[in-house]
Amino acid sequence: MAYYASTEERIRLIAGLRALARFLEDHADVPAPQYADVLIFPPDGADDEMRAEIDKIAAGIGSDAIEESPVHGHYVASRSFGPVEYRAVAIPHAARRNSNAERW
């Protein structure tokens, strides 16, 4: 899984999001989605370490972390900005193994 953006990458991401918003605003003829998700994943580690990172993110965004699905076990914290959602997700190792096994 990817690590978090560096300072420079963060600056470019924010600039890109603003540029997209301006573009969509200026080009009403171009279809826009009804919603958008911005996903962030904690650095790979033990399940309890990834959950702790989601708890830290939840506190930073003013949210509670929840077990999203008993089947998949994703541990999630999110904050909505209208139809745009910032979502931090930890995927336990067992869920990854199960997902990979289902593919093959």
Protein backbone atom coordinates (compact mmCIF):
# COMPACT_ATOMS: atom_id res chain seq x y z
CA MET A 1 0.00 0.00 0.00
CA ALA A 2 1.11 3.53 -0.65
CA TYR A 3 2.46 5.83 1.99
CA TYR A 4 1.26 9.36 2.57
CA ALA A 5 2.08 12.21 0.25
CA SER A 6 5.24 14.18 0.83
CA THR A 7 4.92 17.94 1.31
CA GLU A 8 5.50 18.52 -2.41
CA GLU A 9 3.05 15.79 -3.43
CA ARG A 10 0.45 17.22 -1.05
CA ILE A 11 0.85 20.68 -2.61
CA ARG A 12 0.43 19.17 -6.10
CA LEU A 13 -2.63 17.17 -5.01
CA ILE A 14 -4.35 20.23 -3.55
CA ALA A 15 -3.51 22.27 -6.66
CA GLY A 16 -4.86 19.46 -8.85
CA LEU A 17 -8.12 19.27 -6.89
CA ARG A 18 -8.57 23.03 -7.22
CA ALA A 19 -7.76 22.89 -10.93
CA LEU A 20 -10.32 20.12 -11.42
CA ALA A 21 -12.97 22.14 -9.56
CA ARG A 22 -12.22 25.23 -11.71
CA PHE A 23 -12.28 23.16 -14.88
CA LEU A 24 -15.65 21.61 -14.07
CA GLU A 25 -17.01 25.00 -13.08
CA ASP A 26 -15.80 26.58 -16.33
CA HIS A 27 -16.90 23.71 -18.60
CA ALA A 28 -20.55 23.04 -17.86
CA ASP A 29 -20.73 20.91 -21.02
CA VAL A 30 -18.36 18.34 -19.48
CA PRO A 31 -20.17 15.76 -17.30
CA ALA A 32 -19.30 15.74 -13.61
CA PRO A 33 -19.75 12.84 -11.22
CA GLN A 34 -22.44 13.01 -8.56
CA TYR A 35 -19.85 12.35 -5.85
CA ALA A 36 -16.13 11.81 -5.36
CA ASP A 37 -14.12 9.78 -2.86
CA VAL A 38 -10.60 10.64 -1.77
CA LEU A 39 -9.04 7.52 -0.28
CA ILE A 40 -6.04 7.24 2.00
CA PHE A 41 -4.56 4.00 3.31
CA PRO A 42 -2.20 3.70 6.30
CA PRO A 43 1.28 2.33 5.74
CA ASP A 44 1.26 -1.45 5.68
CA GLY A 45 1.86 -2.96 9.08
CA ALA A 46 0.26 -5.20 11.64
CA ASP A 47 -3.52 -4.93 11.78
CA ASP A 48 -3.46 -3.21 15.18
CA GLU A 49 -0.92 -0.65 13.91
CA MET A 50 -3.08 0.17 10.89
CA ARG A 51 -6.18 0.48 13.11
CA ALA A 52 -4.27 2.82 15.45
CA GLU A 53 -3.36 4.98 12.45
CA ILE A 54 -7.02 5.13 11.38
CA ASP A 55 -7.93 6.15 14.95
CA LYS A 56 -5.34 8.95 14.74
CA ILE A 57 -6.73 10.12 11.39
CA ALA A 58 -10.30 9.95 12.78
CA ALA A 59 -9.31 12.28 15.61
CA GLY A 60 -7.66 14.65 13.12
CA ILE A 61 -10.75 14.87 10.91
CA GLY A 62 -13.26 14.99 13.76
CA SER A 63 -14.76 11.58 13.07
CA ASP A 64 -15.18 8.19 14.68
CA ALA A 65 -13.50 5.12 13.25
CA ILE A 66 -15.83 2.21 12.57
CA GLU A 67 -15.66 -1.41 11.51
CA GLU A 68 -17.29 -0.92 8.11
CA SER A 69 -18.22 -4.47 7.26
CA PRO A 70 -18.07 -7.64 9.32
CA VAL A 71 -17.44 -9.59 6.12
CA HIS A 72 -14.46 -7.57 4.92
CA GLY A 73 -13.38 -6.07 8.24
CA HIS A 74 -12.34 -2.72 6.80
CA TYR A 75 -11.67 -0.17 9.54
CA VAL A 76 -12.72 3.27 8.31
CA ALA A 77 -12.83 6.92 9.28
CA SER A 78 -14.43 9.45 6.97
CA ARG A 79 -15.51 13.04 6.67
CA SER A 80 -17.86 14.38 4.04
CA PHE A 81 -17.59 17.73 2.31
CA GLY A 82 -20.94 17.68 0.58
CA PRO A 83 -20.69 15.01 -2.11
CA VAL A 84 -16.91 14.72 -1.63
CA GLU A 85 -15.72 12.26 0.99
CA TYR A 86 -12.26 11.95 2.57
CA ARG A 87 -11.97 8.32 3.61
CA ALA A 88 -9.17 6.59 5.52
CA VAL A 89 -9.29 2.80 5.22
CA ALA A 90 -7.32 0.00 6.86
CA ILE A 91 -7.76 -3.40 5.24
CA PRO A 92 -6.84 -6.24 7.61
CA HIS A 93 -4.45 -8.89 6.32
CA ALA A 94 -7.08 -11.66 6.60
CA ALA A 95 -9.44 -9.67 4.37
CA ARG A 96 -6.67 -9.22 1.81
CA ARG A 97 -5.91 -12.95 1.84
CA ASN A 98 -9.60 -13.77 1.42
CA SER A 99 -9.94 -11.29 -1.44
CA ASN A 100 -6.89 -12.70 -3.21
CA ALA A 101 -8.15 -16.27 -2.74
CA GLU A 102 -11.54 -15.32 -4.23
CA ARG A 103 -9.82 -13.95 -7.35
CA TRP A 104 -8.06 -17.20 -8.11
